[in-house]
Amino acid sequence: MGVRAVVTMTNNLTRAGDEITADLVQGVNLALERLLTLAVDKSPWDQGTLAGTGAVEPATDPDEGGAVTFDTPYAARLHEHPEYNFSTDSNPNAQGKYLENAAVENKKELGDIIRKQAQR
């Protein structure tokens, strides 16, 4: 069982042109890549297996979004138990809720990435 964060964007553009839609999709994908980097920085490392499974499932449509995933049998357990005493020997930032916290703590930055790309 893995951990998954889905990023979506709702817009009120009834007839967005192909170029605007492509820019939105690119913005969502850039934000997902940044979120992956931020989440890996907060993930428990021990041997690096968990961090190494972090991946982006790219968006193809801005309304459906894409996802950041970590795919190990223990990814969800570590994510959902912030009370665990995570070793900080390999990663001083190790914590539970590594994906959720990365998204919440950096939502402005992630939104700015999407907005900047959409305003091109």
N, C-alpha and C. Protein backbone atom coordinates (compact mmCIF):
# COMPACT_ATOMS: atom_id res chain seq x y z
N MET A 1 0.85 -1.17 0.00
CA MET A 1 0.00 0.00 0.00
C MET A 1 0.89 1.23 0.00
N GLY A 2 0.60 2.16 -0.86
CA GLY A 2 1.42 3.36 -0.98
C GLY A 2 0.69 4.59 -0.48
N VAL A 3 1.34 5.71 -0.61
CA VAL A 3 0.78 7.00 -0.25
C VAL A 3 0.60 7.78 -1.52
N ARG A 4 -0.49 8.49 -1.65
CA ARG A 4 -0.80 9.21 -2.88
C ARG A 4 -1.37 10.57 -2.55
N ALA A 5 -0.89 11.61 -3.20
CA ALA A 5 -1.47 12.94 -3.08
C ALA A 5 -1.93 13.35 -4.47
N VAL A 6 -3.17 13.76 -4.57
CA VAL A 6 -3.73 14.16 -5.86
C VAL A 6 -3.82 15.68 -5.88
N VAL A 7 -3.33 16.29 -6.96
CA VAL A 7 -3.39 17.73 -7.13
C VAL A 7 -4.34 18.02 -8.28
N THR A 8 -5.38 18.80 -8.01
CA THR A 8 -6.32 19.18 -9.06
C THR A 8 -6.48 20.68 -9.08
N MET A 9 -6.95 21.17 -10.19
CA MET A 9 -7.20 22.60 -10.31
C MET A 9 -8.57 22.78 -10.92
N THR A 10 -9.41 23.56 -10.26
CA THR A 10 -10.72 23.86 -10.78
C THR A 10 -10.67 25.23 -11.43
N ASN A 11 -11.24 25.30 -12.61
CA ASN A 11 -11.27 26.60 -13.27
C ASN A 11 -12.67 26.88 -13.79
N ASN A 12 -12.95 28.14 -14.03
CA ASN A 12 -14.24 28.57 -14.54
C ASN A 12 -14.15 28.96 -16.00
N LEU A 13 -13.13 28.52 -16.67
CA LEU A 13 -12.96 28.85 -18.08
C LEU A 13 -13.81 27.88 -18.89
N THR A 14 -14.88 28.39 -19.48
CA THR A 14 -15.79 27.50 -20.20
C THR A 14 -15.19 27.02 -21.51
N ARG A 15 -14.39 27.85 -22.14
CA ARG A 15 -13.79 27.46 -23.42
C ARG A 15 -12.32 27.82 -23.43
N ALA A 16 -11.58 27.17 -22.59
CA ALA A 16 -10.14 27.43 -22.55
C ALA A 16 -9.53 26.91 -23.84
N GLY A 17 -8.70 27.74 -24.44
CA GLY A 17 -8.03 27.31 -25.66
C GLY A 17 -7.02 26.23 -25.37
N ASP A 18 -6.61 25.54 -26.40
CA ASP A 18 -5.64 24.46 -26.25
C ASP A 18 -4.35 24.96 -25.61
N GLU A 19 -3.94 26.17 -25.93
CA GLU A 19 -2.69 26.70 -25.37
C GLU A 19 -2.82 26.95 -23.88
N ILE A 20 -3.94 27.51 -23.45
CA ILE A 20 -4.16 27.76 -22.02
C ILE A 20 -4.22 26.44 -21.26
N THR A 21 -4.94 25.48 -21.83
CA THR A 21 -5.05 24.18 -21.19
C THR A 21 -3.68 23.52 -21.07
N ALA A 22 -2.90 23.60 -22.14
CA ALA A 22 -1.55 23.01 -22.10
C ALA A 22 -0.69 23.69 -21.05
N ASP A 23 -0.80 25.01 -20.92
CA ASP A 23 -0.04 25.74 -19.90
C ASP A 23 -0.47 25.33 -18.50
N LEU A 24 -1.77 25.14 -18.29
CA LEU A 24 -2.26 24.70 -16.98
C LEU A 24 -1.73 23.31 -16.64
N VAL A 25 -1.80 22.42 -17.60
CA VAL A 25 -1.29 21.06 -17.38
C VAL A 25 0.20 21.10 -17.07
N GLN A 26 0.94 21.89 -17.82
CA GLN A 26 2.37 22.00 -17.56
C GLN A 26 2.62 22.58 -16.17
N GLY A 27 1.83 23.57 -15.76
CA GLY A 27 1.97 24.14 -14.42
C GLY A 27 1.69 23.13 -13.32
N VAL A 28 0.64 22.35 -13.49
CA VAL A 28 0.32 21.30 -12.51
C VAL A 28 1.47 20.30 -12.44
N ASN A 29 2.00 19.91 -13.58
CA ASN A 29 3.09 18.93 -13.59
C ASN A 29 4.37 19.49 -12.97
N LEU A 30 4.66 20.75 -13.20
CA LEU A 30 5.82 21.37 -12.56
C LEU A 30 5.62 21.42 -11.04
N ALA A 31 4.40 21.74 -10.60
CA ALA A 31 4.10 21.78 -9.17
C ALA A 31 4.22 20.38 -8.56
N LEU A 32 3.80 19.35 -9.29
CA LEU A 32 3.93 17.98 -8.80
C LEU A 32 5.39 17.59 -8.64
N GLU A 33 6.22 17.97 -9.59
CA GLU A 33 7.66 17.67 -9.49
C GLU A 33 8.26 18.36 -8.26
N ARG A 34 7.87 19.61 -8.03
CA ARG A 34 8.37 20.33 -6.86
C ARG A 34 7.87 19.67 -5.58
N LEU A 35 6.60 19.26 -5.56
CA LEU A 35 6.05 18.59 -4.38
C LEU A 35 6.80 17.30 -4.09
N LEU A 36 7.15 16.55 -5.11
CA LEU A 36 7.92 15.33 -4.91
C LEU A 36 9.25 15.64 -4.22
N THR A 37 9.94 16.66 -4.70
CA THR A 37 11.22 17.05 -4.09
C THR A 37 11.04 17.43 -2.63
N LEU A 38 10.00 18.21 -2.34
CA LEU A 38 9.74 18.64 -0.97
C LEU A 38 9.38 17.46 -0.08
N ALA A 39 8.61 16.51 -0.60
CA ALA A 39 8.20 15.34 0.19
C ALA A 39 9.38 14.40 0.46
N VAL A 40 10.22 14.20 -0.53
CA VAL A 40 11.40 13.34 -0.33
C VAL A 40 12.27 13.93 0.78
N ASP A 41 12.36 15.25 0.83
CA ASP A 41 13.16 15.92 1.86
C ASP A 41 12.61 15.68 3.26
N LYS A 42 11.33 15.36 3.38
CA LYS A 42 10.72 15.11 4.68
C LYS A 42 10.53 13.63 4.99
N SER A 43 10.79 12.78 4.01
CA SER A 43 10.53 11.35 4.19
C SER A 43 11.63 10.69 5.03
N PRO A 44 11.26 9.63 5.77
CA PRO A 44 12.27 8.86 6.50
C PRO A 44 13.18 8.14 5.49
N TRP A 45 14.49 8.17 5.69
CA TRP A 45 15.42 7.64 4.70
C TRP A 45 16.02 6.30 5.05
N ASP A 46 16.30 6.00 6.25
CA ASP A 46 16.99 4.77 6.64
C ASP A 46 17.92 4.28 5.53
N GLN A 47 17.42 3.51 4.59
CA GLN A 47 18.26 3.04 3.48
C GLN A 47 17.92 3.77 2.17
N GLY A 48 16.93 4.62 2.18
CA GLY A 48 16.57 5.39 0.99
C GLY A 48 15.56 4.72 0.08
N THR A 49 15.09 3.55 0.47
CA THR A 49 14.15 2.82 -0.38
C THR A 49 12.85 3.59 -0.57
N LEU A 50 12.27 4.08 0.51
CA LEU A 50 11.01 4.82 0.43
C LEU A 50 11.17 6.04 -0.47
N ALA A 51 12.17 6.85 -0.21
CA ALA A 51 12.39 8.06 -1.01
C ALA A 51 12.60 7.72 -2.48
N GLY A 52 13.25 6.60 -2.73
CA GLY A 52 13.53 6.18 -4.10
C GLY A 52 12.30 5.76 -4.88
N THR A 53 11.21 5.45 -4.18
CA THR A 53 9.99 5.06 -4.88
C THR A 53 9.09 6.25 -5.17
N GLY A 54 9.46 7.43 -4.71
CA GLY A 54 8.66 8.62 -4.98
C GLY A 54 8.58 8.87 -6.47
N ALA A 55 7.38 9.13 -6.96
CA ALA A 55 7.18 9.33 -8.40
C ALA A 55 6.03 10.29 -8.64
N VAL A 56 6.05 10.89 -9.82
CA VAL A 56 4.98 11.77 -10.25
C VAL A 56 4.18 11.06 -11.33
N GLU A 57 2.87 11.03 -11.16
CA GLU A 57 1.96 10.59 -12.22
C GLU A 57 1.46 11.87 -12.87
N PRO A 58 1.98 12.22 -14.03
CA PRO A 58 1.68 13.53 -14.63
C PRO A 58 0.21 13.73 -14.96
N ALA A 59 -0.19 14.97 -14.88
CA ALA A 59 -1.54 15.35 -15.30
C ALA A 59 -1.59 15.40 -16.82
N THR A 60 -2.72 15.02 -17.36
CA THR A 60 -2.94 15.19 -18.80
C THR A 60 -4.10 16.15 -19.03
N ASP A 61 -4.84 16.44 -17.97
CA ASP A 61 -5.99 17.35 -18.02
C ASP A 61 -5.98 18.14 -16.71
N PRO A 62 -6.07 19.46 -16.76
CA PRO A 62 -5.98 20.24 -15.51
C PRO A 62 -7.13 19.96 -14.54
N ASP A 63 -8.27 19.50 -15.02
CA ASP A 63 -9.39 19.20 -14.13
C ASP A 63 -9.22 17.88 -13.41
N GLU A 64 -8.45 16.96 -13.98
CA GLU A 64 -8.24 15.67 -13.34
C GLU A 64 -6.98 15.65 -12.50
N GLY A 65 -6.03 16.50 -12.81
CA GLY A 65 -4.80 16.59 -12.04
C GLY A 65 -3.89 15.40 -12.23
N GLY A 66 -2.84 15.37 -11.44
CA GLY A 66 -1.87 14.29 -11.44
C GLY A 66 -1.66 13.88 -10.00
N ALA A 67 -0.60 13.14 -9.74
CA ALA A 67 -0.38 12.66 -8.38
C ALA A 67 1.10 12.49 -8.08
N VAL A 68 1.42 12.57 -6.80
CA VAL A 68 2.74 12.19 -6.29
C VAL A 68 2.50 10.94 -5.46
N THR A 69 3.30 9.91 -5.72
CA THR A 69 3.12 8.65 -5.01
C THR A 69 4.44 8.16 -4.42
N PHE A 70 4.32 7.39 -3.35
CA PHE A 70 5.43 6.65 -2.76
C PHE A 70 4.92 5.22 -2.67
N ASP A 71 5.65 4.28 -3.25
CA ASP A 71 5.13 2.93 -3.40
C ASP A 71 6.02 1.88 -2.75
N THR A 72 5.90 1.76 -1.45
CA THR A 72 6.51 0.64 -0.73
C THR A 72 5.42 0.07 0.16
N PRO A 73 5.57 -1.16 0.63
CA PRO A 73 4.55 -1.73 1.50
C PRO A 73 4.34 -0.93 2.79
N TYR A 74 5.33 -0.17 3.20
CA TYR A 74 5.24 0.56 4.47
C TYR A 74 5.06 2.06 4.29
N ALA A 75 4.92 2.55 3.07
CA ALA A 75 4.81 4.00 2.83
C ALA A 75 3.63 4.62 3.57
N ALA A 76 2.48 4.01 3.47
CA ALA A 76 1.29 4.56 4.13
C ALA A 76 1.42 4.50 5.65
N ARG A 77 1.96 3.39 6.16
CA ARG A 77 2.12 3.26 7.62
C ARG A 77 3.01 4.36 8.16
N LEU A 78 4.15 4.60 7.52
CA LEU A 78 5.06 5.65 7.99
C LEU A 78 4.43 7.03 7.84
N HIS A 79 3.71 7.21 6.74
CA HIS A 79 3.07 8.51 6.50
C HIS A 79 2.02 8.81 7.56
N GLU A 80 1.21 7.82 7.87
CA GLU A 80 0.06 8.05 8.74
C GLU A 80 0.35 7.95 10.23
N HIS A 81 1.60 7.74 10.59
CA HIS A 81 1.95 7.66 12.02
C HIS A 81 3.07 8.63 12.37
N PRO A 82 2.73 9.92 12.45
CA PRO A 82 3.75 10.92 12.79
C PRO A 82 4.28 10.76 14.22
N GLU A 83 3.61 9.97 15.03
CA GLU A 83 4.08 9.78 16.41
C GLU A 83 5.27 8.83 16.49
N TYR A 84 5.59 8.13 15.40
CA TYR A 84 6.77 7.26 15.40
C TYR A 84 8.02 8.10 15.67
N ASN A 85 8.98 7.50 16.29
CA ASN A 85 10.25 8.18 16.57
C ASN A 85 11.18 7.96 15.37
N PHE A 86 11.06 8.79 14.37
CA PHE A 86 11.84 8.64 13.14
C PHE A 86 13.29 9.01 13.38
N SER A 87 14.19 8.14 12.92
CA SER A 87 15.61 8.44 13.03
C SER A 87 15.94 9.62 12.12
N THR A 88 16.72 10.53 12.65
CA THR A 88 17.15 11.68 11.86
C THR A 88 18.63 11.59 11.52
N ASP A 89 19.20 10.39 11.65
CA ASP A 89 20.62 10.20 11.33
C ASP A 89 20.87 10.44 9.85
N SER A 90 20.08 9.85 8.99
CA SER A 90 20.26 9.99 7.53
C SER A 90 19.57 11.22 6.98
N ASN A 91 18.44 11.60 7.60
CA ASN A 91 17.68 12.76 7.15
C ASN A 91 17.19 13.53 8.36
N PRO A 92 17.78 14.66 8.65
CA PRO A 92 17.35 15.43 9.83
C PRO A 92 15.92 15.94 9.73
N ASN A 93 15.31 15.90 8.54
CA ASN A 93 13.94 16.37 8.34
C ASN A 93 12.91 15.25 8.37
N ALA A 94 13.32 14.01 8.66
CA ALA A 94 12.43 12.85 8.62
C ALA A 94 11.23 13.04 9.53
N GLN A 95 10.05 12.70 9.01
CA GLN A 95 8.82 12.86 9.78
C GLN A 95 7.70 12.05 9.14
N GLY A 96 6.65 11.82 9.90
CA GLY A 96 5.43 11.25 9.35
C GLY A 96 4.71 12.35 8.59
N LYS A 97 3.69 11.98 7.86
CA LYS A 97 2.92 12.93 7.05
C LYS A 97 3.84 13.70 6.09
N TYR A 98 4.90 13.03 5.63
CA TYR A 98 5.92 13.68 4.80
C TYR A 98 5.35 14.26 3.51
N LEU A 99 4.38 13.61 2.91
CA LEU A 99 3.78 14.11 1.68
C LEU A 99 2.73 15.19 1.98
N GLU A 100 1.87 14.91 2.92
CA GLU A 100 0.83 15.87 3.29
C GLU A 100 1.43 17.17 3.81
N ASN A 101 2.41 17.07 4.71
CA ASN A 101 3.03 18.28 5.26
C ASN A 101 3.74 19.09 4.18
N ALA A 102 4.40 18.40 3.27
CA ALA A 102 5.09 19.11 2.18
C ALA A 102 4.08 19.89 1.34
N ALA A 103 2.93 19.31 1.08
CA ALA A 103 1.90 19.98 0.28
C ALA A 103 1.29 21.16 1.04
N VAL A 104 0.92 20.94 2.28
CA VAL A 104 0.27 21.98 3.08
C VAL A 104 1.22 23.15 3.36
N GLU A 105 2.44 22.83 3.79
CA GLU A 105 3.40 23.88 4.15
C GLU A 105 3.86 24.70 2.95
N ASN A 106 3.72 24.16 1.75
CA ASN A 106 4.22 24.84 0.56
C ASN A 106 3.13 25.12 -0.47
N LYS A 107 1.86 25.18 -0.01
CA LYS A 107 0.76 25.35 -0.96
C LYS A 107 0.85 26.66 -1.74
N LYS A 108 1.34 27.72 -1.13
CA LYS A 108 1.48 28.98 -1.86
C LYS A 108 2.51 28.83 -2.97
N GLU A 109 3.66 28.25 -2.66
CA GLU A 109 4.69 28.05 -3.68
C GLU A 109 4.18 27.17 -4.82
N LEU A 110 3.48 26.10 -4.47
CA LEU A 110 2.96 25.19 -5.49
C LEU A 110 1.90 25.89 -6.36
N GLY A 111 1.04 26.66 -5.72
CA GLY A 111 0.04 27.43 -6.47
C GLY A 111 0.68 28.48 -7.36
N ASP A 112 1.74 29.11 -6.86
CA ASP A 112 2.45 30.12 -7.66
C ASP A 112 3.07 29.49 -8.91
N ILE A 113 3.56 28.27 -8.79
CA ILE A 113 4.14 27.59 -9.94
C ILE A 113 3.07 27.41 -11.02
N ILE A 114 1.90 26.96 -10.60
CA ILE A 114 0.80 26.76 -11.56
C ILE A 114 0.36 28.09 -12.15
N ARG A 115 0.18 29.10 -11.30
CA ARG A 115 -0.27 30.43 -11.79
C ARG A 115 0.73 31.03 -12.77
N LYS A 116 2.01 30.94 -12.44
CA LYS A 116 3.04 31.51 -13.32
C LYS A 116 3.00 30.85 -14.70
N GLN A 117 2.87 29.54 -14.71
CA GLN A 117 2.83 28.83 -15.99
C GLN A 117 1.56 29.17 -16.76
N ALA A 118 0.45 29.30 -16.06
CA ALA A 118 -0.83 29.60 -16.71
C ALA A 118 -0.88 31.02 -17.27
N GLN A 119 -0.10 31.91 -16.71
CA GLN A 119 -0.12 33.32 -17.14
C GLN A 119 0.88 33.61 -18.25
N ARG A 120 1.55 32.60 -18.74
CA ARG A 120 2.54 32.82 -19.80
C ARG A 120 1.93 33.46 -21.02
